[in-house]
Structure formats: structure tokens, C-alpha cells
Amino acid sequence: MLHPTPATLPAQVHIRFRFDKSPTNFTIRKFNRLSGCFLCPVKAALSILHRATALHIPPHHPIGAYRCSQVGDYRYINGNDMSSYMQHACELSYSDANHYLRINVKRLMAHSLRVTACVALHQAGVPAEDIAFHLRWNIESVKFYLRDCSCDIGSFLIQAVHNAYRP
């Protein structure tokens, strides 16, 4: 698979979610390209497919996989991996061991990604119905996770993204 240039990047991807724990397993979702955004879902999908192709992952296997060697078994990205990566990113982003996030770093779990996305979308003015659609939640779940959100995560998110892309 070739790496597309901005001029040849598809405008949209259609993704069928398999191996999902929700009742919407095997549904197809459409995502549009977000020009100039490092969180573009089209670029992310192409990157994931490129990695899966390079690893020779069989067609009917989950594509969130990696290998530790050229001939080793596939390992699938799981919640523990994501929690570990998030906690490490937090430690890199906040050098002060007394920072609130560093003190509570072990509370960062894989589900925190979805909750953070929910709060960030809400703070960006996205309607609850759209948040539920994008996160594949029901509307009551969105309301549940927003009920205790009292702090502005904007500054935390900006600092984390900035530090994640430090040379």
C-alpha cells in the first residue's frame, strides 16, 4: 500500500467495526477526511491498514496488532497496553511529580480515552447526540460521563498534545 499524498488522500473511509463489545458490532460507520488536522480519521485508517499490510495480518484478524519480531506471533493491542501508553505519556508530559495528573496517573485507563473524547467534544460544543454517535454510545452514557465533569480539560489536552510531539 502506498502512502497517499494530500492530493490523492481519499475523502472518506467506511469502517465496519468487528470484534466490538457493543450491540452495534459489525455496523459500518463513515468518516470524512479532516484537512490539516493531525487527528484525521482517514489518515489514521490508512496508517492502520498500512501497518496491518506490512505485518501480513490475515484478512479476518483484528488489525490493531503488532509483532515484536519478524516471525513472532501477533499481539493484539488491548486495554492494558493502552493504559500503559497513556500513563507513560502522562509522565512524559508532566515532569512535576506533584502535578494532579502524575499523582493520579494509575487512574488513567483505556476507557479514559473515550471519556476524555466525550468531554473534549462536549467542550467543543458538539451536541450530545453527535457525541453518542461518534463514540458509539447511547445518549444516556454521554450524560452519565458528563455529569461529574467540572474542570476545563482544554489546557491539559493542549499540553499533552504539545509534549507528545516534542522532538
N, C-alpha and C. Protein backbone atom coordinates (compact mmCIF):
# COMPACT_ATOMS: atom_id res chain seq x y z
N MET A 1 0.85 -1.17 0.00
CA MET A 1 0.00 0.00 0.00
C MET A 1 0.89 1.23 0.00
N LEU A 2 0.65 2.15 -0.90
CA LEU A 2 1.43 3.37 -0.99
C LEU A 2 0.90 4.41 -0.01
N HIS A 3 1.79 5.30 0.40
CA HIS A 3 1.35 6.41 1.25
C HIS A 3 0.77 7.49 0.36
N PRO A 4 -0.50 7.83 0.53
CA PRO A 4 -1.11 8.84 -0.35
C PRO A 4 -0.61 10.24 -0.03
N THR A 5 -0.57 11.07 -1.05
CA THR A 5 -0.25 12.48 -0.87
C THR A 5 -1.55 13.19 -0.51
N PRO A 6 -1.49 14.43 -0.01
CA PRO A 6 -2.74 15.14 0.30
C PRO A 6 -3.69 15.21 -0.89
N ALA A 7 -3.14 15.30 -2.11
CA ALA A 7 -3.99 15.40 -3.29
C ALA A 7 -4.69 14.07 -3.61
N THR A 8 -4.10 12.95 -3.19
CA THR A 8 -4.69 11.64 -3.50
C THR A 8 -5.35 10.99 -2.29
N LEU A 9 -5.37 11.68 -1.16
CA LEU A 9 -5.97 11.13 0.05
C LEU A 9 -7.48 10.99 -0.15
N PRO A 10 -8.03 9.82 0.15
CA PRO A 10 -9.47 9.66 0.00
C PRO A 10 -10.24 10.67 0.85
N ALA A 11 -11.43 11.02 0.40
CA ALA A 11 -12.26 11.99 1.12
C ALA A 11 -13.00 11.33 2.28
N GLN A 12 -13.16 10.01 2.21
CA GLN A 12 -13.97 9.33 3.22
C GLN A 12 -13.54 7.87 3.33
N VAL A 13 -13.66 7.31 4.51
CA VAL A 13 -13.46 5.87 4.70
C VAL A 13 -14.73 5.30 5.33
N HIS A 14 -15.01 4.07 4.98
CA HIS A 14 -16.13 3.34 5.57
C HIS A 14 -15.50 2.20 6.36
N ILE A 15 -15.81 2.13 7.64
CA ILE A 15 -15.20 1.13 8.51
C ILE A 15 -16.30 0.27 9.13
N ARG A 16 -16.12 -1.04 8.99
CA ARG A 16 -17.04 -1.97 9.66
C ARG A 16 -16.37 -2.39 10.96
N PHE A 17 -17.01 -2.09 12.07
CA PHE A 17 -16.47 -2.42 13.37
C PHE A 17 -16.79 -3.87 13.68
N ARG A 18 -15.73 -4.66 13.81
CA ARG A 18 -15.87 -6.05 14.20
C ARG A 18 -15.17 -6.23 15.55
N PHE A 19 -15.47 -7.29 16.22
CA PHE A 19 -14.84 -7.60 17.50
C PHE A 19 -15.09 -6.49 18.51
N ASP A 20 -16.26 -5.92 18.44
CA ASP A 20 -16.68 -4.83 19.30
C ASP A 20 -17.57 -5.43 20.39
N LYS A 21 -17.52 -4.90 21.58
CA LYS A 21 -18.33 -5.42 22.68
C LYS A 21 -19.74 -4.87 22.68
N SER A 22 -20.02 -3.90 21.83
CA SER A 22 -21.32 -3.24 21.86
C SER A 22 -22.34 -3.96 20.98
N PRO A 23 -23.62 -3.61 21.14
CA PRO A 23 -24.65 -4.21 20.29
C PRO A 23 -24.56 -3.75 18.84
N THR A 24 -23.70 -2.77 18.56
CA THR A 24 -23.55 -2.29 17.19
C THR A 24 -22.40 -3.00 16.47
N ASN A 25 -21.98 -4.16 16.98
CA ASN A 25 -20.92 -4.92 16.34
C ASN A 25 -21.28 -5.18 14.88
N PHE A 26 -20.31 -5.05 14.01
CA PHE A 26 -20.42 -5.27 12.57
C PHE A 26 -21.18 -4.15 11.84
N THR A 27 -21.42 -3.02 12.49
CA THR A 27 -22.04 -1.91 11.78
C THR A 27 -20.97 -1.15 11.01
N ILE A 28 -21.38 -0.47 9.96
CA ILE A 28 -20.46 0.32 9.14
C ILE A 28 -20.65 1.79 9.47
N ARG A 29 -19.53 2.46 9.73
CA ARG A 29 -19.54 3.89 10.02
C ARG A 29 -18.73 4.59 8.95
N LYS A 30 -19.12 5.80 8.60
CA LYS A 30 -18.43 6.60 7.60
C LYS A 30 -17.72 7.76 8.28
N PHE A 31 -16.48 7.99 7.88
CA PHE A 31 -15.68 9.07 8.45
C PHE A 31 -15.12 9.92 7.32
N ASN A 32 -15.27 11.23 7.43
CA ASN A 32 -14.77 12.16 6.42
C ASN A 32 -13.35 12.60 6.75
N ARG A 33 -12.60 12.96 5.71
CA ARG A 33 -11.26 13.49 5.87
C ARG A 33 -11.33 14.86 6.55
N LEU A 34 -10.41 15.10 7.45
CA LEU A 34 -10.30 16.39 8.13
C LEU A 34 -8.99 17.03 7.69
N SER A 35 -9.05 17.91 6.71
CA SER A 35 -7.85 18.53 6.17
C SER A 35 -7.14 19.35 7.22
N GLY A 36 -5.82 19.20 7.27
CA GLY A 36 -5.00 19.99 8.18
C GLY A 36 -5.11 19.60 9.64
N CYS A 37 -5.71 18.47 9.93
CA CYS A 37 -5.90 18.04 11.33
C CYS A 37 -5.09 16.77 11.56
N PHE A 38 -4.25 16.76 12.60
CA PHE A 38 -3.45 15.57 12.85
C PHE A 38 -4.30 14.40 13.35
N LEU A 39 -5.55 14.64 13.71
CA LEU A 39 -6.45 13.57 14.15
C LEU A 39 -7.40 13.13 13.03
N CYS A 40 -6.99 13.30 11.78
CA CYS A 40 -7.83 12.94 10.64
C CYS A 40 -8.13 11.44 10.64
N PRO A 41 -9.41 11.05 10.66
CA PRO A 41 -9.74 9.62 10.70
C PRO A 41 -9.34 8.88 9.43
N VAL A 42 -9.32 9.57 8.29
CA VAL A 42 -8.92 8.91 7.04
C VAL A 42 -7.43 8.58 7.10
N LYS A 43 -6.60 9.53 7.54
CA LYS A 43 -5.17 9.26 7.65
C LYS A 43 -4.91 8.15 8.67
N ALA A 44 -5.63 8.18 9.77
CA ALA A 44 -5.45 7.15 10.80
C ALA A 44 -5.81 5.77 10.25
N ALA A 45 -6.93 5.68 9.53
CA ALA A 45 -7.35 4.40 8.96
C ALA A 45 -6.30 3.89 7.97
N LEU A 46 -5.78 4.76 7.13
CA LEU A 46 -4.77 4.34 6.16
C LEU A 46 -3.48 3.90 6.86
N SER A 47 -3.11 4.58 7.92
CA SER A 47 -1.92 4.20 8.67
C SER A 47 -2.09 2.81 9.31
N ILE A 48 -3.26 2.57 9.86
CA ILE A 48 -3.53 1.26 10.48
C ILE A 48 -3.52 0.16 9.42
N LEU A 49 -4.12 0.43 8.27
CA LEU A 49 -4.12 -0.56 7.20
C LEU A 49 -2.72 -0.80 6.65
N HIS A 50 -1.93 0.25 6.55
CA HIS A 50 -0.55 0.11 6.09
C HIS A 50 0.24 -0.78 7.04
N ARG A 51 0.09 -0.55 8.36
CA ARG A 51 0.79 -1.38 9.35
C ARG A 51 0.33 -2.82 9.26
N ALA A 52 -0.98 -3.03 9.12
CA ALA A 52 -1.51 -4.39 9.03
C ALA A 52 -0.97 -5.11 7.79
N THR A 53 -0.86 -4.38 6.68
CA THR A 53 -0.31 -4.95 5.45
C THR A 53 1.16 -5.30 5.64
N ALA A 54 1.92 -4.39 6.23
CA ALA A 54 3.35 -4.63 6.45
C ALA A 54 3.58 -5.83 7.37
N LEU A 55 2.67 -6.05 8.31
CA LEU A 55 2.80 -7.18 9.24
C LEU A 55 2.22 -8.48 8.68
N HIS A 56 1.60 -8.40 7.49
CA HIS A 56 0.96 -9.57 6.86
C HIS A 56 -0.12 -10.17 7.76
N ILE A 57 -0.92 -9.31 8.36
CA ILE A 57 -2.01 -9.78 9.21
C ILE A 57 -3.06 -10.42 8.32
N PRO A 58 -3.50 -11.63 8.64
CA PRO A 58 -4.52 -12.29 7.82
C PRO A 58 -5.79 -11.45 7.73
N PRO A 59 -6.51 -11.55 6.60
CA PRO A 59 -7.67 -10.68 6.34
C PRO A 59 -8.76 -10.69 7.41
N HIS A 60 -9.00 -11.78 8.07
CA HIS A 60 -10.11 -11.83 9.01
C HIS A 60 -9.67 -11.70 10.47
N HIS A 61 -8.46 -11.20 10.69
CA HIS A 61 -7.97 -10.96 12.04
C HIS A 61 -8.15 -9.48 12.40
N PRO A 62 -8.24 -9.16 13.69
CA PRO A 62 -8.27 -7.74 14.08
C PRO A 62 -6.99 -7.06 13.61
N ILE A 63 -7.09 -5.81 13.15
CA ILE A 63 -5.90 -5.15 12.60
C ILE A 63 -5.17 -4.30 13.62
N GLY A 64 -5.65 -4.20 14.82
CA GLY A 64 -4.93 -3.49 15.89
C GLY A 64 -3.91 -4.43 16.49
N ALA A 65 -2.90 -4.79 15.70
CA ALA A 65 -1.94 -5.81 16.10
C ALA A 65 -0.52 -5.32 15.87
N TYR A 66 0.42 -6.03 16.48
CA TYR A 66 1.84 -5.74 16.26
C TYR A 66 2.62 -7.03 16.51
N ARG A 67 3.87 -7.01 16.08
CA ARG A 67 4.79 -8.13 16.32
C ARG A 67 6.05 -7.58 16.98
N CYS A 68 6.64 -8.39 17.84
CA CYS A 68 7.90 -8.00 18.47
C CYS A 68 9.10 -8.45 17.64
N SER A 69 8.87 -9.33 16.68
CA SER A 69 9.93 -9.78 15.77
C SER A 69 9.30 -10.11 14.43
N GLN A 70 10.13 -10.36 13.43
CA GLN A 70 9.62 -10.65 12.08
C GLN A 70 8.81 -11.93 12.02
N VAL A 71 9.10 -12.89 12.88
CA VAL A 71 8.43 -14.19 12.79
C VAL A 71 7.57 -14.53 14.00
N GLY A 72 7.50 -13.64 14.97
CA GLY A 72 6.75 -13.93 16.19
C GLY A 72 5.25 -13.91 15.96
N ASP A 73 4.55 -14.36 16.98
CA ASP A 73 3.09 -14.33 16.93
C ASP A 73 2.60 -12.89 16.96
N TYR A 74 1.40 -12.69 16.45
CA TYR A 74 0.77 -11.38 16.54
C TYR A 74 0.36 -11.13 17.97
N ARG A 75 0.50 -9.90 18.38
CA ARG A 75 -0.02 -9.47 19.67
C ARG A 75 -1.05 -8.40 19.36
N TYR A 76 -2.16 -8.46 20.04
CA TYR A 76 -3.24 -7.53 19.78
C TYR A 76 -3.27 -6.45 20.84
N ILE A 77 -3.44 -5.23 20.39
CA ILE A 77 -3.49 -4.10 21.30
C ILE A 77 -4.70 -4.26 22.20
N ASN A 78 -4.49 -4.18 23.51
CA ASN A 78 -5.60 -4.36 24.45
C ASN A 78 -5.65 -3.19 25.43
N GLY A 79 -6.59 -3.25 26.32
CA GLY A 79 -6.79 -2.18 27.29
C GLY A 79 -5.59 -1.95 28.18
N ASN A 80 -4.90 -3.01 28.56
CA ASN A 80 -3.71 -2.86 29.40
C ASN A 80 -2.60 -2.12 28.65
N ASP A 81 -2.43 -2.43 27.36
CA ASP A 81 -1.44 -1.72 26.54
C ASP A 81 -1.77 -0.23 26.50
N MET A 82 -3.03 0.09 26.22
CA MET A 82 -3.44 1.49 26.11
C MET A 82 -3.26 2.22 27.44
N SER A 83 -3.61 1.56 28.53
CA SER A 83 -3.43 2.19 29.85
C SER A 83 -1.96 2.48 30.11
N SER A 84 -1.11 1.53 29.79
CA SER A 84 0.33 1.70 29.99
C SER A 84 0.87 2.85 29.14
N TYR A 85 0.46 2.93 27.87
CA TYR A 85 0.91 4.01 26.98
C TYR A 85 0.44 5.36 27.49
N MET A 86 -0.82 5.42 27.94
CA MET A 86 -1.36 6.69 28.43
C MET A 86 -0.63 7.14 29.69
N GLN A 87 -0.36 6.21 30.59
CA GLN A 87 0.33 6.56 31.83
C GLN A 87 1.75 7.04 31.53
N HIS A 88 2.42 6.39 30.59
CA HIS A 88 3.77 6.81 30.20
C HIS A 88 3.73 8.20 29.57
N ALA A 89 2.76 8.44 28.70
CA ALA A 89 2.63 9.76 28.06
C ALA A 89 2.38 10.84 29.11
N CYS A 90 1.59 10.52 30.11
CA CYS A 90 1.32 11.47 31.20
C CYS A 90 2.61 11.80 31.95
N GLU A 91 3.40 10.78 32.24
CA GLU A 91 4.66 11.01 32.95
C GLU A 91 5.62 11.85 32.12
N LEU A 92 5.63 11.65 30.81
CA LEU A 92 6.49 12.46 29.93
C LEU A 92 5.97 13.90 29.83
N SER A 93 4.66 14.05 29.83
CA SER A 93 4.06 15.37 29.66
C SER A 93 4.16 16.23 30.90
N TYR A 94 4.12 15.62 32.06
CA TYR A 94 4.12 16.37 33.31
C TYR A 94 5.31 15.93 34.15
N SER A 95 6.39 16.68 34.06
CA SER A 95 7.62 16.31 34.78
C SER A 95 7.50 16.50 36.28
N ASP A 96 6.59 17.38 36.72
CA ASP A 96 6.40 17.63 38.15
C ASP A 96 5.64 16.45 38.77
N ALA A 97 6.31 15.69 39.60
CA ALA A 97 5.70 14.52 40.23
C ALA A 97 4.53 14.89 41.14
N ASN A 98 4.41 16.16 41.52
CA ASN A 98 3.31 16.60 42.37
C ASN A 98 2.11 17.11 41.58
N HIS A 99 2.20 17.07 40.27
CA HIS A 99 1.08 17.51 39.43
C HIS A 99 -0.10 16.55 39.65
N TYR A 100 -1.31 17.10 39.60
CA TYR A 100 -2.52 16.30 39.85
C TYR A 100 -2.56 15.04 38.99
N LEU A 101 -2.25 15.17 37.70
CA LEU A 101 -2.31 14.00 36.82
C LEU A 101 -1.23 12.97 37.15
N ARG A 102 -0.05 13.44 37.56
CA ARG A 102 1.01 12.50 37.93
C ARG A 102 0.67 11.76 39.22
N ILE A 103 0.07 12.48 40.16
CA ILE A 103 -0.32 11.84 41.43
C ILE A 103 -1.35 10.75 41.16
N ASN A 104 -2.23 10.99 40.19
CA ASN A 104 -3.31 10.06 39.88
C ASN A 104 -3.08 9.27 38.60
N VAL A 105 -1.83 9.12 38.20
CA VAL A 105 -1.52 8.52 36.90
C VAL A 105 -2.08 7.09 36.77
N LYS A 106 -2.14 6.34 37.84
CA LYS A 106 -2.64 4.96 37.76
C LYS A 106 -4.15 4.89 37.50
N ARG A 107 -4.81 6.03 37.62
CA ARG A 107 -6.24 6.08 37.31
C ARG A 107 -6.50 6.22 35.82
N LEU A 108 -5.45 6.52 35.05
CA LEU A 108 -5.61 6.61 33.59
C LEU A 108 -5.73 5.19 33.04
N MET A 109 -6.89 4.89 32.53
CA MET A 109 -7.16 3.57 31.99
C MET A 109 -7.59 3.71 30.53
N ALA A 110 -7.67 2.60 29.83
CA ALA A 110 -8.05 2.64 28.41
C ALA A 110 -9.38 3.36 28.22
N HIS A 111 -10.31 3.15 29.12
CA HIS A 111 -11.62 3.79 28.99
C HIS A 111 -11.51 5.31 29.13
N SER A 112 -10.42 5.78 29.76
CA SER A 112 -10.21 7.22 29.91
C SER A 112 -10.15 7.92 28.56
N LEU A 113 -9.67 7.23 27.53
CA LEU A 113 -9.62 7.82 26.19
C LEU A 113 -11.01 8.21 25.71
N ARG A 114 -11.95 7.31 25.89
CA ARG A 114 -13.32 7.58 25.44
C ARG A 114 -13.97 8.66 26.29
N VAL A 115 -13.73 8.62 27.59
CA VAL A 115 -14.31 9.63 28.47
C VAL A 115 -13.71 11.00 28.14
N THR A 116 -12.41 11.05 27.93
CA THR A 116 -11.76 12.31 27.56
C THR A 116 -12.31 12.82 26.23
N ALA A 117 -12.49 11.92 25.28
CA ALA A 117 -13.06 12.31 23.99
C ALA A 117 -14.46 12.89 24.19
N CYS A 118 -15.25 12.26 25.05
CA CYS A 118 -16.60 12.73 25.32
C CYS A 118 -16.57 14.15 25.88
N VAL A 119 -15.71 14.38 26.87
CA VAL A 119 -15.62 15.70 27.50
C VAL A 119 -15.08 16.74 26.51
N ALA A 120 -14.05 16.38 25.75
CA ALA A 120 -13.47 17.32 24.79
C ALA A 120 -14.48 17.69 23.72
N LEU A 121 -15.24 16.72 23.21
CA LEU A 121 -16.27 17.02 22.21
C LEU A 121 -17.35 17.92 22.81
N HIS A 122 -17.73 17.65 24.05
CA HIS A 122 -18.74 18.47 24.73
C HIS A 122 -18.24 19.91 24.87
N GLN A 123 -16.99 20.07 25.31
CA GLN A 123 -16.44 21.41 25.48
C GLN A 123 -16.26 22.13 24.16
N ALA A 124 -16.15 21.38 23.07
CA ALA A 124 -16.04 22.00 21.74
C ALA A 124 -17.41 22.36 21.19
N GLY A 125 -18.48 22.07 21.95
CA GLY A 125 -19.83 22.44 21.52
C GLY A 125 -20.54 21.41 20.69
N VAL A 126 -20.02 20.18 20.64
CA VAL A 126 -20.67 19.12 19.87
C VAL A 126 -21.91 18.66 20.65
N PRO A 127 -23.07 18.57 19.99
CA PRO A 127 -24.28 18.13 20.68
C PRO A 127 -24.15 16.69 21.22
N ALA A 128 -24.81 16.43 22.33
CA ALA A 128 -24.74 15.12 22.98
C ALA A 128 -25.11 13.98 22.04
N GLU A 129 -26.08 14.20 21.16
CA GLU A 129 -26.50 13.16 20.21
C GLU A 129 -25.35 12.81 19.26
N ASP A 130 -24.59 13.82 18.83
CA ASP A 130 -23.46 13.57 17.94
C ASP A 130 -22.32 12.88 18.68
N ILE A 131 -22.11 13.26 19.94
CA ILE A 131 -21.08 12.60 20.75
C ILE A 131 -21.42 11.12 20.89
N ALA A 132 -22.68 10.83 21.19
CA ALA A 132 -23.12 9.44 21.32
C ALA A 132 -22.87 8.67 20.02
N PHE A 133 -23.17 9.30 18.90
CA PHE A 133 -22.96 8.65 17.60
C PHE A 133 -21.47 8.37 17.37
N HIS A 134 -20.62 9.38 17.57
CA HIS A 134 -19.20 9.23 17.29
C HIS A 134 -18.51 8.23 18.21
N LEU A 135 -18.94 8.16 19.46
CA LEU A 135 -18.32 7.24 20.41
C LEU A 135 -19.02 5.88 20.45
N ARG A 136 -20.06 5.74 19.66
CA ARG A 136 -20.87 4.51 19.62
C ARG A 136 -21.44 4.19 21.01
N TRP A 137 -21.93 5.24 21.67
CA TRP A 137 -22.59 5.13 22.96
C TRP A 137 -24.06 5.46 22.77
N ASN A 138 -24.85 5.17 23.81
CA ASN A 138 -26.21 5.71 23.78
C ASN A 138 -26.19 7.06 24.48
N ILE A 139 -27.22 7.83 24.28
CA ILE A 139 -27.26 9.21 24.76
C ILE A 139 -27.15 9.28 26.29
N GLU A 140 -27.68 8.29 26.98
CA GLU A 140 -27.61 8.29 28.45
C GLU A 140 -26.18 8.12 28.94
N SER A 141 -25.36 7.38 28.20
CA SER A 141 -23.96 7.22 28.59
C SER A 141 -23.23 8.55 28.52
N VAL A 142 -23.52 9.34 27.49
CA VAL A 142 -22.90 10.66 27.36
C VAL A 142 -23.26 11.50 28.57
N LYS A 143 -24.53 11.54 28.91
CA LYS A 143 -24.97 12.34 30.06
C LYS A 143 -24.32 11.85 31.35
N PHE A 144 -24.17 10.53 31.48
CA PHE A 144 -23.56 9.94 32.67
C PHE A 144 -22.12 10.41 32.83
N TYR A 145 -21.34 10.37 31.76
CA TYR A 145 -19.93 10.76 31.85
C TYR A 145 -19.73 12.26 31.97
N LEU A 146 -20.68 13.04 31.50
CA LEU A 146 -20.54 14.48 31.61
C LEU A 146 -21.00 15.02 32.97
N ARG A 147 -21.72 14.24 33.75
CA ARG A 147 -22.30 14.71 34.99
C ARG A 147 -21.27 15.19 36.00
N ASP A 148 -20.10 14.55 36.06
CA ASP A 148 -19.10 14.90 37.07
C ASP A 148 -17.98 15.77 36.51
N CYS A 149 -18.10 16.16 35.26
CA CYS A 149 -17.02 16.92 34.64
C CYS A 149 -17.13 18.38 35.04
N SER A 150 -16.24 18.81 35.91
CA SER A 150 -16.32 20.19 36.37
C SER A 150 -15.10 21.01 35.99
N CYS A 151 -14.03 20.37 35.48
CA CYS A 151 -12.83 21.13 35.16
C CYS A 151 -12.65 21.25 33.66
N ASP A 152 -11.97 22.27 33.26
CA ASP A 152 -11.68 22.51 31.85
C ASP A 152 -10.48 21.66 31.47
N ILE A 153 -10.68 20.70 30.58
CA ILE A 153 -9.57 19.84 30.19
C ILE A 153 -8.75 20.43 29.07
N GLY A 154 -9.21 21.56 28.53
CA GLY A 154 -8.54 22.15 27.39
C GLY A 154 -7.05 22.36 27.59
N SER A 155 -6.67 22.97 28.70
CA SER A 155 -5.25 23.24 28.94
C SER A 155 -4.47 21.95 29.13
N PHE A 156 -5.07 20.95 29.77
CA PHE A 156 -4.41 19.65 29.94
C PHE A 156 -4.19 18.99 28.58
N LEU A 157 -5.23 19.02 27.76
CA LEU A 157 -5.16 18.38 26.44
C LEU A 157 -4.13 19.07 25.56
N ILE A 158 -4.12 20.39 25.56
CA ILE A 158 -3.16 21.14 24.75
C ILE A 158 -1.73 20.80 25.19
N GLN A 159 -1.48 20.78 26.49
CA GLN A 159 -0.13 20.49 26.97
C GLN A 159 0.26 19.05 26.63
N ALA A 160 -0.65 18.10 26.79
CA ALA A 160 -0.34 16.71 26.48
C ALA A 160 -0.02 16.52 25.00
N VAL A 161 -0.82 17.14 24.13
CA VAL A 161 -0.57 17.03 22.69
C VAL A 161 0.75 17.70 22.34
N HIS A 162 0.99 18.88 22.89
CA HIS A 162 2.24 19.59 22.63
C HIS A 162 3.45 18.74 23.04
N ASN A 163 3.40 18.18 24.24
CA ASN A 163 4.53 17.39 24.72
C ASN A 163 4.67 16.05 24.00
N ALA A 164 3.58 15.53 23.50
CA ALA A 164 3.65 14.26 22.77
C ALA A 164 4.37 14.41 21.45
N TYR A 165 4.37 15.61 20.89
CA TYR A 165 5.01 15.84 19.60
C TYR A 165 6.31 16.62 19.73
N ARG A 166 6.90 16.62 20.92
CA ARG A 166 8.20 17.25 21.13
C ARG A 166 9.26 16.47 20.38
N PRO A 167 10.22 17.15 19.74
CA PRO A 167 11.32 16.41 19.07
C PRO A 167 12.24 15.78 20.07
